[in-house]
Structures are given as structure tokens and as C-alpha cells.
Amino acid sequence: MRDRFSNYYRSITSGAVGAFSVTPSDSTDLDESVRAVTIASGGTVSFIGSDGLTYSTDELPAGTYPLFARRIRATGTTATKITGWV
């Protein structure tokens, strides 16, 4: 398949190049760090950022949110049907 953009630099503001379903875990990092998440059912998201620190959101409605995360934690995450974007 042809990729018109294969020779272009991908910046943080570039579109996603892939996505996968996320299962929150307190002990296992994601296979690949994400730059955004989509939550199909609103709630909170607790995550470990690329800096190794833990962050938690307030209650969020369903939608897509930019965040860098290497792990989405089970503890503190009430949002469901999470998709990670890379």
C-alpha cells in the first residue's frame, strides 16, 4: 500500500498512525506509549506518564483526550472502552 507521508516527519500534532484497545492495569505498561485516548463511556482516567509520574483526571465525558501515557492504571480509572492512539 502506498504511504504518501512516509518521508514526512511526524510531530506531536500529526495525526495518529495507529490505535489499540487498552485494558487498564496497575502493573503492566502498554505495549506502546500512547499520545491520546478515546473513552467510550465517561469516567476518570489514572495513568503513568512518559515521565514515570502518576496522573489522574477529573470525571470526563466520553471523547478523545490528548495525553502521553505508558500505562493506564486500573486503580482510579472508571472510564470504559478505552482506545489508545499512537
PDB file of N, CA and C in Angstrom:
ATOM      1  N   MET A   1       0.850  -1.177   0.000  1.00  0.00           N
ATOM      2  CA  MET A   1       0.000   0.000   0.000  1.00  0.00           C
ATOM      3  C   MET A   1       0.892   1.236   0.000  1.00  0.00           C
ATOM      4  N   ARG A   2       0.527   2.193  -0.754  1.00  0.00           N
ATOM      5  CA  ARG A   2       1.286   3.435  -0.855  1.00  0.00           C
ATOM      6  C   ARG A   2       1.052   4.311   0.375  1.00  0.00           C
ATOM      7  N   ASP A   3       2.113   4.894   0.896  1.00  0.00           N
ATOM      8  CA  ASP A   3       2.021   5.825   2.026  1.00  0.00           C
ATOM      9  C   ASP A   3       2.585   7.160   1.570  1.00  0.00           C
ATOM     10  N   ARG A   4       1.717   8.098   1.248  1.00  0.00           N
ATOM     11  CA  ARG A   4       2.136   9.410   0.739  1.00  0.00           C
ATOM     12  C   ARG A   4       2.984  10.177   1.753  1.00  0.00           C
ATOM     13  N   PHE A   5       2.886   9.836   3.010  1.00  0.00           N
ATOM     14  CA  PHE A   5       3.524  10.608   4.062  1.00  0.00           C
ATOM     15  C   PHE A   5       4.731   9.897   4.682  1.00  0.00           C
ATOM     16  N   SER A   6       5.211   8.831   4.075  1.00  0.00           N
ATOM     17  CA  SER A   6       6.306   8.049   4.663  1.00  0.00           C
ATOM     18  C   SER A   6       7.597   8.850   4.817  1.00  0.00           C
ATOM     19  N   ASN A   7       7.798   9.872   4.014  1.00  0.00           N
ATOM     20  CA  ASN A   7       9.016  10.677   4.102  1.00  0.00           C
ATOM     21  C   ASN A   7       8.842  11.951   4.916  1.00  0.00           C
ATOM     22  N   TYR A   8       7.711  12.108   5.555  1.00  0.00           N
ATOM     23  CA  TYR A   8       7.437  13.305   6.358  1.00  0.00           C
ATOM     24  C   TYR A   8       7.733  13.026   7.824  1.00  0.00           C
ATOM     25  N   TYR A   9       8.198  14.053   8.513  1.00  0.00           N
ATOM     26  CA  TYR A   9       8.415  13.976   9.953  1.00  0.00           C
ATOM     27  C   TYR A   9       7.064  13.979  10.649  1.00  0.00           C
ATOM     28  N   ARG A  10       6.880  13.088  11.621  1.00  0.00           N
ATOM     29  CA  ARG A  10       5.627  13.042  12.382  1.00  0.00           C
ATOM     30  C   ARG A  10       5.829  13.772  13.694  1.00  0.00           C
ATOM     31  N   SER A  11       5.166  14.893  13.851  1.00  0.00           N
ATOM     32  CA  SER A  11       5.275  15.678  15.077  1.00  0.00           C
ATOM     33  C   SER A  11       4.154  15.299  16.036  1.00  0.00           C
ATOM     34  N   ILE A  12       4.187  15.886  17.211  1.00  0.00           N
ATOM     35  CA  ILE A  12       3.162  15.605  18.215  1.00  0.00           C
ATOM     36  C   ILE A  12       1.784  16.052  17.743  1.00  0.00           C
ATOM     37  N   THR A  13       1.731  17.015  16.854  1.00  0.00           N
ATOM     38  CA  THR A  13       0.435  17.488  16.367  1.00  0.00           C
ATOM     39  C   THR A  13      -0.025  16.750  15.115  1.00  0.00           C
ATOM     40  N   SER A  14       0.787  15.796  14.653  1.00  0.00           N
ATOM     41  CA  SER A  14       0.403  14.987  13.496  1.00  0.00           C
ATOM     42  C   SER A  14      -0.730  14.043  13.879  1.00  0.00           C
ATOM     43  N   GLY A  15      -1.417  13.563  12.877  1.00  0.00           N
ATOM     44  CA  GLY A  15      -2.471  12.579  13.123  1.00  0.00           C
ATOM     45  C   GLY A  15      -1.894  11.274  13.648  1.00  0.00           C
ATOM     46  N   ALA A  16      -2.733  10.488  14.283  1.00  0.00           N
ATOM     47  CA  ALA A  16      -2.309   9.195  14.821  1.00  0.00           C
ATOM     48  C   ALA A  16      -1.933   8.255  13.680  1.00  0.00           C
ATOM     49  N   VAL A  17      -1.028   7.346  13.962  1.00  0.00           N
ATOM     50  CA  VAL A  17      -0.615   6.353  12.971  1.00  0.00           C
ATOM     51  C   VAL A  17      -1.109   4.952  13.333  1.00  0.00           C
ATOM     52  N   GLY A  18      -1.766   4.825  14.479  1.00  0.00           N
ATOM     53  CA  GLY A  18      -2.286   3.538  14.900  1.00  0.00           C
ATOM     54  C   GLY A  18      -3.102   3.662  16.167  1.00  0.00           C
ATOM     55  N   ALA A  19      -3.828   2.600  16.485  1.00  0.00           N
ATOM     56  CA  ALA A  19      -4.666   2.576  17.684  1.00  0.00           C
ATOM     57  C   ALA A  19      -4.819   1.142  18.164  1.00  0.00           C
ATOM     58  N   PHE A  20      -5.104   0.994  19.455  1.00  0.00           N
ATOM     59  CA  PHE A  20      -5.364  -0.330  20.014  1.00  0.00           C
ATOM     60  C   PHE A  20      -6.237  -0.204  21.252  1.00  0.00           C
ATOM     61  N   SER A  21      -6.914  -1.287  21.581  1.00  0.00           N
ATOM     62  CA  SER A  21      -7.761  -1.342  22.766  1.00  0.00           C
ATOM     63  C   SER A  21      -6.875  -1.409  24.005  1.00  0.00           C
ATOM     64  N   VAL A  22      -7.250  -0.664  25.034  1.00  0.00           N
ATOM     65  CA  VAL A  22      -6.465  -0.589  26.266  1.00  0.00           C
ATOM     66  C   VAL A  22      -7.206  -1.291  27.401  1.00  0.00           C
ATOM     67  N   THR A  23      -6.506  -2.188  28.075  1.00  0.00           N
ATOM     68  CA  THR A  23      -7.014  -2.804  29.293  1.00  0.00           C
ATOM     69  C   THR A  23      -6.224  -2.205  30.455  1.00  0.00           C
ATOM     70  N   PRO A  24      -6.880  -1.426  31.315  1.00  0.00           N
ATOM     71  CA  PRO A  24      -6.155  -0.816  32.436  1.00  0.00           C
ATOM     72  C   PRO A  24      -5.496  -1.872  33.329  1.00  0.00           C
ATOM     73  N   SER A  25      -4.289  -1.556  33.804  1.00  0.00           N
ATOM     74  CA  SER A  25      -3.537  -2.458  34.668  1.00  0.00           C
ATOM     75  C   SER A  25      -2.679  -1.632  35.616  1.00  0.00           C
ATOM     76  N   ASP A  26      -2.580  -2.093  36.845  1.00  0.00           N
ATOM     77  CA  ASP A  26      -1.727  -1.415  37.818  1.00  0.00           C
ATOM     78  C   ASP A  26      -0.271  -1.860  37.726  1.00  0.00           C
ATOM     79  N   SER A  27       0.021  -2.934  36.983  1.00  0.00           N
ATOM     80  CA  SER A  27       1.371  -3.480  36.977  1.00  0.00           C
ATOM     81  C   SER A  27       2.009  -3.622  35.596  1.00  0.00           C
ATOM     82  N   THR A  28       1.246  -3.511  34.536  1.00  0.00           N
ATOM     83  CA  THR A  28       1.780  -3.758  33.201  1.00  0.00           C
ATOM     84  C   THR A  28       1.690  -2.514  32.328  1.00  0.00           C
ATOM     85  N   ASP A  29       2.848  -2.106  31.773  1.00  0.00           N
ATOM     86  CA  ASP A  29       2.851  -0.992  30.830  1.00  0.00           C
ATOM     87  C   ASP A  29       2.167  -1.412  29.533  1.00  0.00           C
ATOM     88  N   LEU A  30       1.720  -0.426  28.776  1.00  0.00           N
ATOM     89  CA  LEU A  30       1.158  -0.678  27.456  1.00  0.00           C
ATOM     90  C   LEU A  30       2.250  -1.188  26.537  1.00  0.00           C
ATOM     91  N   ASP A  31       1.889  -1.890  25.484  1.00  0.00           N
ATOM     92  CA  ASP A  31       2.874  -2.369  24.516  1.00  0.00           C
ATOM     93  C   ASP A  31       3.598  -1.203  23.855  1.00  0.00           C
ATOM     94  N   GLU A  32       2.906  -0.083  23.759  1.00  0.00           N
ATOM     95  CA  GLU A  32       3.460   1.122  23.155  1.00  0.00           C
ATOM     96  C   GLU A  32       2.839   2.321  23.861  1.00  0.00           C
ATOM     97  N   SER A  33       3.630   3.330  24.161  1.00  0.00           N
ATOM     98  CA  SER A  33       3.087   4.539  24.788  1.00  0.00           C
ATOM     99  C   SER A  33       2.075   5.192  23.852  1.00  0.00           C
ATOM    100  N   VAL A  34       1.054   5.800  24.445  1.00  0.00           N
ATOM    101  CA  VAL A  34       0.021   6.458  23.649  1.00  0.00           C
ATOM    102  C   VAL A  34       0.147   7.967  23.776  1.00  0.00           C
ATOM    103  N   ARG A  35      -0.385   8.670  22.790  1.00  0.00           N
ATOM    104  CA  ARG A  35      -0.387  10.133  22.823  1.00  0.00           C
ATOM    105  C   ARG A  35      -1.788  10.688  23.002  1.00  0.00           C
ATOM    106  N   ALA A  36      -2.785   9.807  22.984  1.00  0.00           N
ATOM    107  CA  ALA A  36      -4.171  10.209  23.218  1.00  0.00           C
ATOM    108  C   ALA A  36      -4.981   8.963  23.551  1.00  0.00           C
ATOM    109  N   VAL A  37      -6.109   9.172  24.214  1.00  0.00           N
ATOM    110  CA  VAL A  37      -7.051   8.078  24.480  1.00  0.00           C
ATOM    111  C   VAL A  37      -8.459   8.531  24.114  1.00  0.00           C
ATOM    112  N   THR A  38      -9.238   7.573  23.674  1.00  0.00           N
ATOM    113  CA  THR A  38     -10.669   7.780  23.485  1.00  0.00           C
ATOM    114  C   THR A  38     -11.368   6.920  24.516  1.00  0.00           C
ATOM    115  N   ILE A  39     -12.316   7.511  25.239  1.00  0.00           N
ATOM    116  CA  ILE A  39     -13.114   6.740  26.190  1.00  0.00           C
ATOM    117  C   ILE A  39     -14.555   6.758  25.681  1.00  0.00           C
ATOM    118  N   ALA A  40     -15.134   5.567  25.558  1.00  0.00           N
ATOM    119  CA  ALA A  40     -16.490   5.451  25.034  1.00  0.00           C
ATOM    120  C   ALA A  40     -17.530   5.712  26.107  1.00  0.00           C
ATOM    121  N   SER A  41     -17.156   5.443  27.345  1.00  0.00           N
ATOM    122  CA  SER A  41     -18.047   5.673  28.477  1.00  0.00           C
ATOM    123  C   SER A  41     -17.304   6.571  29.453  1.00  0.00           C
ATOM    124  N   GLY A  42     -17.876   7.683  29.784  1.00  0.00           N
ATOM    125  CA  GLY A  42     -17.217   8.674  30.632  1.00  0.00           C
ATOM    126  C   GLY A  42     -16.765   8.134  31.969  1.00  0.00           C
ATOM    127  N   GLY A  43     -15.835   8.847  32.576  1.00  0.00           N
ATOM    128  CA  GLY A  43     -15.308   8.467  33.878  1.00  0.00           C
ATOM    129  C   GLY A  43     -13.952   9.115  34.090  1.00  0.00           C
ATOM    130  N   THR A  44     -13.219   8.602  35.031  1.00  0.00           N
ATOM    131  CA  THR A  44     -11.881   9.112  35.320  1.00  0.00           C
ATOM    132  C   THR A  44     -10.841   8.220  34.658  1.00  0.00           C
ATOM    133  N   VAL A  45      -9.657   8.783  34.429  1.00  0.00           N
ATOM    134  CA  VAL A  45      -8.542   8.018  33.879  1.00  0.00           C
ATOM    135  C   VAL A  45      -7.322   8.296  34.754  1.00  0.00           C
ATOM    136  N   SER A  46      -6.732   7.233  35.266  1.00  0.00           N
ATOM    137  CA  SER A  46      -5.491   7.330  36.027  1.00  0.00           C
ATOM    138  C   SER A  46      -4.404   6.708  35.161  1.00  0.00           C
ATOM    139  N   PHE A  47      -3.283   7.426  35.003  1.00  0.00           N
ATOM    140  CA  PHE A  47      -2.253   6.928  34.102  1.00  0.00           C
ATOM    141  C   PHE A  47      -0.859   7.289  34.580  1.00  0.00           C
ATOM    142  N   ILE A  48       0.111   6.537  34.084  1.00  0.00           N
ATOM    143  CA  ILE A  48       1.507   6.853  34.328  1.00  0.00           C
ATOM    144  C   ILE A  48       2.035   7.484  33.052  1.00  0.00           C
ATOM    145  N   GLY A  49       2.539   8.696  33.191  1.00  0.00           N
ATOM    146  CA  GLY A  49       3.037   9.438  32.043  1.00  0.00           C
ATOM    147  C   GLY A  49       4.398   8.954  31.595  1.00  0.00           C
ATOM    148  N   SER A  50       4.848   9.507  30.485  1.00  0.00           N
ATOM    149  CA  SER A  50       6.157   9.121  29.956  1.00  0.00           C
ATOM    150  C   SER A  50       7.286   9.504  30.914  1.00  0.00           C
ATOM    151  N   ASP A  51       7.004  10.410  31.853  1.00  0.00           N
ATOM    152  CA  ASP A  51       7.992  10.817  32.860  1.00  0.00           C
ATOM    153  C   ASP A  51       8.006   9.909  34.085  1.00  0.00           C
ATOM    154  N   GLY A  52       7.125   8.892  34.102  1.00  0.00           N
ATOM    155  CA  GLY A  52       7.073   7.952  35.214  1.00  0.00           C
ATOM    156  C   GLY A  52       6.191   8.378  36.366  1.00  0.00           C
ATOM    157  N   LEU A  53       5.611   9.561  36.304  1.00  0.00           N
ATOM    158  CA  LEU A  53       4.728  10.054  37.364  1.00  0.00           C
ATOM    159  C   LEU A  53       3.296   9.609  37.118  1.00  0.00           C
ATOM    160  N   THR A  54       2.523   9.514  38.195  1.00  0.00           N
ATOM    161  CA  THR A  54       1.121   9.108  38.109  1.00  0.00           C
ATOM    162  C   THR A  54       0.231  10.338  38.066  1.00  0.00           C
ATOM    163  N   TYR A  55      -0.726  10.312  37.155  1.00  0.00           N
ATOM    164  CA  TYR A  55      -1.683  11.407  36.987  1.00  0.00           C
ATOM    165  C   TYR A  55      -3.091  10.845  37.003  1.00  0.00           C
ATOM    166  N   SER A  56      -4.049  11.675  37.395  1.00  0.00           N
ATOM    167  CA  SER A  56      -5.459  11.287  37.366  1.00  0.00           C
ATOM    168  C   SER A  56      -6.284  12.451  36.858  1.00  0.00           C
ATOM    169  N   THR A  57      -7.260  12.134  36.049  1.00  0.00           N
ATOM    170  CA  THR A  57      -8.155  13.169  35.540  1.00  0.00           C
ATOM    171  C   THR A  57      -9.357  13.302  36.466  1.00  0.00           C
ATOM    172  N   ASP A  58     -10.051  14.405  36.331  1.00  0.00           N
ATOM    173  CA  ASP A  58     -11.371  14.526  36.927  1.00  0.00           C
ATOM    174  C   ASP A  58     -12.324  13.700  36.068  1.00  0.00           C
ATOM    175  N   GLU A  59     -13.586  13.678  36.440  1.00  0.00           N
ATOM    176  CA  GLU A  59     -14.604  12.987  35.657  1.00  0.00           C
ATOM    177  C   GLU A  59     -14.651  13.595  34.253  1.00  0.00           C
ATOM    178  N   LEU A  60     -14.507  12.743  33.223  1.00  0.00           N
ATOM    179  CA  LEU A  60     -14.524  13.189  31.836  1.00  0.00           C
ATOM    180  C   LEU A  60     -15.723  12.595  31.107  1.00  0.00           C
ATOM    181  N   PRO A  61     -16.337  13.345  30.202  1.00  0.00           N
ATOM    182  CA  PRO A  61     -17.374  12.750  29.358  1.00  0.00           C
ATOM    183  C   PRO A  61     -16.708  11.902  28.269  1.00  0.00           C
ATOM    184  N   ALA A  62     -17.483  11.049  27.627  1.00  0.00           N
ATOM    185  CA  ALA A  62     -16.955  10.262  26.514  1.00  0.00           C
ATOM    186  C   ALA A  62     -16.325  11.200  25.498  1.00  0.00           C
ATOM    187  N   GLY A  63     -15.184  10.791  24.937  1.00  0.00           N
ATOM    188  CA  GLY A  63     -14.500  11.621  23.958  1.00  0.00           C
ATOM    189  C   GLY A  63     -13.045  11.223  23.833  1.00  0.00           C
ATOM    190  N   THR A  64     -12.290  12.036  23.097  1.00  0.00           N
ATOM    191  CA  THR A  64     -10.871  11.792  22.876  1.00  0.00           C
ATOM    192  C   THR A  64     -10.060  12.872  23.579  1.00  0.00           C
ATOM    193  N   TYR A  65      -9.001  12.436  24.275  1.00  0.00           N
ATOM    194  CA  TYR A  65      -8.205  13.346  25.091  1.00  0.00           C
ATOM    195  C   TYR A  65      -6.717  13.147  24.827  1.00  0.00           C
ATOM    196  N   PRO A  66      -5.987  14.225  24.557  1.00  0.00           N
ATOM    197  CA  PRO A  66      -4.545  14.103  24.357  1.00  0.00           C
ATOM    198  C   PRO A  66      -3.847  13.903  25.697  1.00  0.00           C
ATOM    199  N   LEU A  67      -3.047  12.867  25.792  1.00  0.00           N
ATOM    200  CA  LEU A  67      -2.217  12.636  26.973  1.00  0.00           C
ATOM    201  C   LEU A  67      -1.146  11.620  26.606  1.00  0.00           C
ATOM    202  N   PHE A  68       0.035  11.792  27.155  1.00  0.00           N
ATOM    203  CA  PHE A  68       1.115  10.829  26.957  1.00  0.00           C
ATOM    204  C   PHE A  68       1.054   9.849  28.111  1.00  0.00           C
ATOM    205  N   ALA A  69       0.940   8.575  27.800  1.00  0.00           N
ATOM    206  CA  ALA A  69       0.877   7.574  28.863  1.00  0.00           C
ATOM    207  C   ALA A  69       1.577   6.300  28.447  1.00  0.00           C
ATOM    208  N   ARG A  70       2.305   5.729  29.396  1.00  0.00           N
ATOM    209  CA  ARG A  70       2.899   4.417  29.143  1.00  0.00           C
ATOM    210  C   ARG A  70       2.085   3.317  29.829  1.00  0.00           C
ATOM    211  N   ARG A  71       1.193   3.730  30.748  1.00  0.00           N
ATOM    212  CA  ARG A  71       0.307   2.772  31.420  1.00  0.00           C
ATOM    213  C   ARG A  71      -0.986   3.477  31.776  1.00  0.00           C
ATOM    214  N   ILE A  72      -2.110   2.795  31.588  1.00  0.00           N
ATOM    215  CA  ILE A  72      -3.404   3.254  32.084  1.00  0.00           C
ATOM    216  C   ILE A  72      -3.693   2.379  33.292  1.00  0.00           C
ATOM    217  N   ARG A  73      -3.803   2.991  34.446  1.00  0.00           N
ATOM    218  CA  ARG A  73      -3.942   2.242  35.698  1.00  0.00           C
ATOM    219  C   ARG A  73      -5.380   1.776  35.922  1.00  0.00           C
ATOM    220  N   ALA A  74      -5.533   0.601  36.479  1.00  0.00           N
ATOM    221  CA  ALA A  74      -6.859   0.093  36.842  1.00  0.00           C
ATOM    222  C   ALA A  74      -7.399   0.863  38.049  1.00  0.00           C
ATOM    223  N   THR A  75      -6.520   1.085  39.037  1.00  0.00           N
ATOM    224  CA  THR A  75      -6.912   1.847  40.217  1.00  0.00           C
ATOM    225  C   THR A  75      -7.090   3.307  39.825  1.00  0.00           C
ATOM    226  N   GLY A  76      -8.262   3.832  40.059  1.00  0.00           N
ATOM    227  CA  GLY A  76      -8.529   5.224  39.746  1.00  0.00           C
ATOM    228  C   GLY A  76      -9.120   5.461  38.368  1.00  0.00           C
ATOM    229  N   THR A  77      -9.219   4.415  37.545  1.00  0.00           N
ATOM    230  CA  THR A  77      -9.830   4.556  36.217  1.00  0.00           C
ATOM    231  C   THR A  77     -11.235   3.977  36.256  1.00  0.00           C
ATOM    232  N   THR A  78     -12.221   4.832  35.981  1.00  0.00           N
ATOM    233  CA  THR A  78     -13.615   4.380  35.918  1.00  0.00           C
ATOM    234  C   THR A  78     -14.165   4.444  34.494  1.00  0.00           C
ATOM    235  N   ALA A  79     -13.464   5.134  33.609  1.00  0.00           N
ATOM    236  CA  ALA A  79     -13.870   5.176  32.199  1.00  0.00           C
ATOM    237  C   ALA A  79     -13.738   3.781  31.600  1.00  0.00           C
ATOM    238  N   THR A  80     -14.557   3.477  30.615  1.00  0.00           N
ATOM    239  CA  THR A  80     -14.517   2.151  29.995  1.00  0.00           C
ATOM    240  C   THR A  80     -14.401   2.275  28.487  1.00  0.00           C
ATOM    241  N   LYS A  81     -14.105   1.127  27.881  1.00  0.00           N
ATOM    242  CA  LYS A  81     -13.907   1.031  26.432  1.00  0.00           C
ATOM    243  C   LYS A  81     -12.898   2.079  25.974  1.00  0.00           C
ATOM    244  N   ILE A  82     -11.660   1.898  26.429  1.00  0.00           N
ATOM    245  CA  ILE A  82     -10.590   2.848  26.171  1.00  0.00           C
ATOM    246  C   ILE A  82      -9.798   2.420  24.943  1.00  0.00           C
ATOM    247  N   THR A  83      -9.571   3.361  24.059  1.00  0.00           N
ATOM    248  CA  THR A  83      -8.717   3.150  22.886  1.00  0.00           C
ATOM    249  C   THR A  83      -7.500   4.041  23.028  1.00  0.00           C
ATOM    250  N   GLY A  84      -6.315   3.486  22.823  1.00  0.00           N
ATOM    251  CA  GLY A  84      -5.085   4.271  22.855  1.00  0.00           C
ATOM    252  C   GLY A  84      -4.643   4.600  21.441  1.00  0.00           C
ATOM    253  N   TRP A  85      -4.217   5.825  21.227  1.00  0.00           N
ATOM    254  CA  TRP A  85      -3.782   6.302  19.908  1.00  0.00           C
ATOM    255  C   TRP A  85      -2.288   6.571  19.934  1.00  0.00           C
ATOM    256  N   VAL A  86      -1.584   6.105  18.904  1.00  0.00           N
ATOM    257  CA  VAL A  86      -0.131   6.296  18.789  1.00  0.00           C
ATOM    258  C   VAL A  86       0.217   7.053  17.520  1.00  0.00           C
TER     259      VAL A  86
END
